[in-house]
Structures are given as structure tokens and as C-alpha cells.
Amino acid sequence: MKRNTWQKEAVRSALGDAGGFVSAQALHAALRESGSTIALATVYRALTGLTDEGEADSLQQEGEVLYRACTPGSHHHHLICRRCGTTVEIEAQPVEEWARRTAAEHGFTRAEHVVDIFGVCARCSDLADRASRP
């Protein structure tokens, strides 16, 4: 069983409040602004632990690792807005079937995959459309 500390609880809570993908540095800054004395290295350790335990997702974007609270114990994929970072968890059964079939065709077992779809959400698209009108 993994140890639960006040620092890990603080990071878990702040990550849930973030509402989307966030960097460890941004999460650390938010914690510090709220009065926490937590160190950046501790934030990184807590995020790694939460990711390992399935309570957070991580992805790499433009060379930086970003984290997001997620539904523990469920395999899922994401739609992620490139502009505002809004993230939606999605089911993708055809992707699951394709991954299993492709792995088996090549003699692989216990295959895992990550699928994240990046685009521009409806709100950001609408804002961009309004900004481009005369």
C-alpha cells in the first residue's frame, strides 16, 4: 500500500481543482499561492505516485510533461484542446480492437497504448471565428 502524506493529498486536491492538464510547475505555483510550503520536488514525486497509481494521467506536450486528475481504474483516451487545454475523457472501442488485433498480428502480447487526440474545442473555435469577423 502506498503511503498517503499531507503533501500527496494537497497535490491530489490541487490537480482535481485544475480541471485539465497542468504542469508540475504551475501546480506548485498554485499550491504556493494558496499558502502551502510544499517543495517543487515533492510535487513531482506526488504526481509520479498519482500517475503510477492510476489517479492521474500524464502526457508530453511541446517537451513538457503535463498532468491531469483522472478516473482511477478505467482505461480511457482524451480529446485535448490545443488552445485552452480543455480535456474530455472518451471511450474508443474501435481503437481498443485495432490495438489488440495489430499487436496479435505481429506476435505481441500484453500490449498497451495511449491515444490522445488534439484539436480545438468548440468554445475556442467559436472565439476564433468571432475574432476573425470584421
C-alpha atoms as a PDB file:
ATOM      1  CA  MET A   1       0.000   0.000   0.000  1.00  0.00           C
ATOM      2  CA  LYS A   2       1.294   3.434  -0.930  1.00  0.00           C
ATOM      3  CA  ARG A   3       1.803   5.968   1.812  1.00  0.00           C
ATOM      4  CA  ASN A   4      -0.545   8.927   1.889  1.00  0.00           C
ATOM      5  CA  THR A   5       1.008  12.161   3.106  1.00  0.00           C
ATOM      6  CA  TRP A   6      -0.407  15.652   3.503  1.00  0.00           C
ATOM      7  CA  GLN A   7       1.749  16.688   0.532  1.00  0.00           C
ATOM      8  CA  LYS A   8       0.297  13.996  -1.710  1.00  0.00           C
ATOM      9  CA  GLU A   9      -3.222  14.906  -0.579  1.00  0.00           C
ATOM     10  CA  ALA A  10      -2.520  18.574  -1.347  1.00  0.00           C
ATOM     11  CA  VAL A  11      -1.253  17.704  -4.838  1.00  0.00           C
ATOM     12  CA  ARG A  12      -4.233  15.367  -5.448  1.00  0.00           C
ATOM     13  CA  SER A  13      -6.641  18.125  -4.430  1.00  0.00           C
ATOM     14  CA  ALA A  14      -4.907  20.841  -6.464  1.00  0.00           C
ATOM     15  CA  LEU A  15      -4.778  18.568  -9.508  1.00  0.00           C
ATOM     16  CA  GLY A  16      -8.503  17.924  -9.223  1.00  0.00           C
ATOM     17  CA  ASP A  17      -9.149  21.663  -8.945  1.00  0.00           C
ATOM     18  CA  ALA A  18      -7.026  22.380 -12.041  1.00  0.00           C
ATOM     19  CA  GLY A  19      -9.702  20.873 -14.286  1.00  0.00           C
ATOM     20  CA  GLY A  20      -7.349  19.971 -17.133  1.00  0.00           C
ATOM     21  CA  PHE A  21      -3.761  19.168 -17.907  1.00  0.00           C
ATOM     22  CA  VAL A  22      -1.264  21.248 -15.935  1.00  0.00           C
ATOM     23  CA  SER A  23       2.490  21.269 -15.484  1.00  0.00           C
ATOM     24  CA  ALA A  24       4.138  20.401 -12.176  1.00  0.00           C
ATOM     25  CA  GLN A  25       5.498  23.962 -12.042  1.00  0.00           C
ATOM     26  CA  ALA A  26       2.042  25.506 -12.497  1.00  0.00           C
ATOM     27  CA  LEU A  27       0.586  23.169  -9.882  1.00  0.00           C
ATOM     28  CA  HIS A  28       3.425  24.057  -7.494  1.00  0.00           C
ATOM     29  CA  ALA A  29       2.792  27.777  -8.065  1.00  0.00           C
ATOM     30  CA  ALA A  30      -0.932  27.335  -7.340  1.00  0.00           C
ATOM     31  CA  LEU A  31      -0.156  25.444  -4.131  1.00  0.00           C
ATOM     32  CA  ARG A  32       2.327  28.087  -3.006  1.00  0.00           C
ATOM     33  CA  GLU A  33      -0.159  30.888  -3.779  1.00  0.00           C
ATOM     34  CA  SER A  34      -2.674  29.155  -1.514  1.00  0.00           C
ATOM     35  CA  GLY A  35      -0.128  29.214   1.328  1.00  0.00           C
ATOM     36  CA  SER A  36       1.404  25.757   1.051  1.00  0.00           C
ATOM     37  CA  THR A  37       5.075  25.269   1.872  1.00  0.00           C
ATOM     38  CA  ILE A  38       5.366  22.224  -0.399  1.00  0.00           C
ATOM     39  CA  ALA A  39       8.586  21.926  -2.417  1.00  0.00           C
ATOM     40  CA  LEU A  40       8.628  21.530  -6.204  1.00  0.00           C
ATOM     41  CA  ALA A  41      10.499  18.201  -5.923  1.00  0.00           C
ATOM     42  CA  THR A  42       7.720  16.929  -3.639  1.00  0.00           C
ATOM     43  CA  VAL A  43       5.092  17.960  -6.192  1.00  0.00           C
ATOM     44  CA  TYR A  44       6.949  15.960  -8.850  1.00  0.00           C
ATOM     45  CA  ARG A  45       7.164  12.889  -6.552  1.00  0.00           C
ATOM     46  CA  ALA A  46       3.474  13.128  -5.678  1.00  0.00           C
ATOM     47  CA  LEU A  47       2.496  13.465  -9.343  1.00  0.00           C
ATOM     48  CA  THR A  48       4.611  10.444 -10.245  1.00  0.00           C
ATOM     49  CA  GLY A  49       2.932   8.453  -7.478  1.00  0.00           C
ATOM     50  CA  LEU A  50      -0.560   9.531  -8.536  1.00  0.00           C
ATOM     51  CA  THR A  51       0.228   8.623 -12.143  1.00  0.00           C
ATOM     52  CA  ASP A  52       1.620   5.220 -11.147  1.00  0.00           C
ATOM     53  CA  GLU A  53      -1.499   4.561  -9.058  1.00  0.00           C
ATOM     54  CA  GLY A  54      -3.846   5.494 -11.921  1.00  0.00           C
ATOM     55  CA  GLU A  55      -5.197   8.626 -10.251  1.00  0.00           C
ATOM     56  CA  ALA A  56      -3.567  10.976 -12.760  1.00  0.00           C
ATOM     57  CA  ASP A  57      -2.852  10.939 -16.465  1.00  0.00           C
ATOM     58  CA  SER A  58       0.258  12.421 -17.960  1.00  0.00           C
ATOM     59  CA  LEU A  59       1.171  13.442 -21.453  1.00  0.00           C
ATOM     60  CA  GLN A  60       4.067  15.184 -23.097  1.00  0.00           C
ATOM     61  CA  GLN A  61       3.316  18.372 -24.985  1.00  0.00           C
ATOM     62  CA  GLU A  62       5.995  20.549 -26.524  1.00  0.00           C
ATOM     63  CA  GLY A  63       8.683  18.840 -24.424  1.00  0.00           C
ATOM     64  CA  GLU A  64       6.882  19.300 -21.106  1.00  0.00           C
ATOM     65  CA  VAL A  65       5.045  16.688 -19.066  1.00  0.00           C
ATOM     66  CA  LEU A  66       1.515  17.735 -18.129  1.00  0.00           C
ATOM     67  CA  TYR A  67      -0.718  16.035 -15.564  1.00  0.00           C
ATOM     68  CA  ARG A  68      -4.466  15.724 -15.061  1.00  0.00           C
ATOM     69  CA  ALA A  69      -6.637  14.046 -12.451  1.00  0.00           C
ATOM     70  CA  CYS A  70      -8.445  11.097 -13.963  1.00  0.00           C
ATOM     71  CA  THR A  71     -10.903   8.376 -13.146  1.00  0.00           C
ATOM     72  CA  PRO A  72      -8.892   5.647 -11.405  1.00  0.00           C
ATOM     73  CA  GLY A  73      -9.091   2.126 -12.768  1.00  0.00           C
ATOM     74  CA  SER A  74     -10.568   2.998 -16.150  1.00  0.00           C
ATOM     75  CA  HIS A  75      -8.690   2.817 -19.422  1.00  0.00           C
ATOM     76  CA  HIS A  76      -9.632   5.820 -21.497  1.00  0.00           C
ATOM     77  CA  HIS A  77      -8.397   8.269 -24.084  1.00  0.00           C
ATOM     78  CA  HIS A  78      -8.562  12.051 -24.335  1.00  0.00           C
ATOM     79  CA  LEU A  79      -9.686  14.838 -26.604  1.00  0.00           C
ATOM     80  CA  ILE A  80      -7.493  17.826 -25.729  1.00  0.00           C
ATOM     81  CA  CYS A  81      -7.894  21.426 -26.877  1.00  0.00           C
ATOM     82  CA  ARG A  82      -4.585  22.850 -28.109  1.00  0.00           C
ATOM     83  CA  ARG A  83      -5.646  26.369 -27.131  1.00  0.00           C
ATOM     84  CA  CYS A  84      -7.243  26.214 -23.686  1.00  0.00           C
ATOM     85  CA  GLY A  85      -6.334  22.693 -22.535  1.00  0.00           C
ATOM     86  CA  THR A  86      -9.930  21.548 -22.033  1.00  0.00           C
ATOM     87  CA  THR A  87      -9.826  17.765 -21.830  1.00  0.00           C
ATOM     88  CA  VAL A  88     -12.557  15.206 -22.323  1.00  0.00           C
ATOM     89  CA  GLU A  89     -12.167  11.530 -21.417  1.00  0.00           C
ATOM     90  CA  ILE A  90     -13.513   9.346 -24.215  1.00  0.00           C
ATOM     91  CA  GLU A  91     -14.139   5.658 -24.817  1.00  0.00           C
ATOM     92  CA  ALA A  92     -12.730   4.379 -28.089  1.00  0.00           C
ATOM     93  CA  GLN A  93     -13.715   0.735 -28.561  1.00  0.00           C
ATOM     94  CA  PRO A  94     -12.599   0.626 -32.228  1.00  0.00           C
ATOM     95  CA  VAL A  95      -9.126   1.783 -31.092  1.00  0.00           C
ATOM     96  CA  GLU A  96      -9.042  -0.972 -28.445  1.00  0.00           C
ATOM     97  CA  GLU A  97      -9.941  -3.622 -31.026  1.00  0.00           C
ATOM     98  CA  TRP A  98      -7.413  -2.262 -33.541  1.00  0.00           C
ATOM     99  CA  ALA A  99      -4.625  -2.233 -30.920  1.00  0.00           C
ATOM    100  CA  ARG A 100      -5.297  -5.839 -29.846  1.00  0.00           C
ATOM    101  CA  ARG A 101      -5.557  -7.056 -33.442  1.00  0.00           C
ATOM    102  CA  THR A 102      -2.425  -5.216 -34.574  1.00  0.00           C
ATOM    103  CA  ALA A 103      -0.392  -6.485 -31.626  1.00  0.00           C
ATOM    104  CA  ALA A 104      -1.554 -10.085 -32.192  1.00  0.00           C
ATOM    105  CA  GLU A 105      -0.804  -9.909 -35.924  1.00  0.00           C
ATOM    106  CA  HIS A 106       2.797  -9.108 -35.046  1.00  0.00           C
ATOM    107  CA  GLY A 107       3.105 -11.672 -32.258  1.00  0.00           C
ATOM    108  CA  PHE A 108       2.893  -9.188 -29.391  1.00  0.00           C
ATOM    109  CA  THR A 109       1.097  -9.886 -26.137  1.00  0.00           C
ATOM    110  CA  ARG A 110       0.264  -7.634 -23.168  1.00  0.00           C
ATOM    111  CA  ALA A 111       0.345  -4.630 -25.485  1.00  0.00           C
ATOM    112  CA  GLU A 112      -0.546  -1.227 -24.069  1.00  0.00           C
ATOM    113  CA  HIS A 113      -1.299   2.014 -25.858  1.00  0.00           C
ATOM    114  CA  VAL A 114      -2.019   5.687 -25.294  1.00  0.00           C
ATOM    115  CA  VAL A 115      -4.262   7.671 -27.612  1.00  0.00           C
ATOM    116  CA  ASP A 116      -4.710  11.415 -27.199  1.00  0.00           C
ATOM    117  CA  ILE A 117      -6.463  13.472 -29.861  1.00  0.00           C
ATOM    118  CA  PHE A 118      -5.503  17.131 -30.044  1.00  0.00           C
ATOM    119  CA  GLY A 119      -7.749  19.706 -31.664  1.00  0.00           C
ATOM    120  CA  VAL A 120      -9.557  22.949 -30.918  1.00  0.00           C
ATOM    121  CA  CYS A 121     -12.664  22.758 -28.729  1.00  0.00           C
ATOM    122  CA  ALA A 122     -15.992  24.269 -29.779  1.00  0.00           C
ATOM    123  CA  ARG A 123     -15.601  27.265 -27.429  1.00  0.00           C
ATOM    124  CA  CYS A 124     -12.140  28.168 -28.748  1.00  0.00           C
ATOM    125  CA  SER A 125     -13.277  27.621 -32.351  1.00  0.00           C
ATOM    126  CA  ASP A 126     -16.237  29.932 -31.762  1.00  0.00           C
ATOM    127  CA  LEU A 127     -13.984  32.604 -30.194  1.00  0.00           C
ATOM    128  CA  ALA A 128     -11.570  32.371 -33.140  1.00  0.00           C
ATOM    129  CA  ASP A 129     -14.429  32.648 -35.628  1.00  0.00           C
ATOM    130  CA  ARG A 130     -15.811  35.741 -33.876  1.00  0.00           C
ATOM    131  CA  ALA A 131     -12.348  37.337 -33.733  1.00  0.00           C
ATOM    132  CA  SER A 132     -11.841  36.866 -37.483  1.00  0.00           C
ATOM    133  CA  ARG A 133     -15.140  38.582 -38.430  1.00  0.00           C
ATOM    134  CA  PRO A 134     -14.971  42.245 -39.422  1.00  0.00           C
END
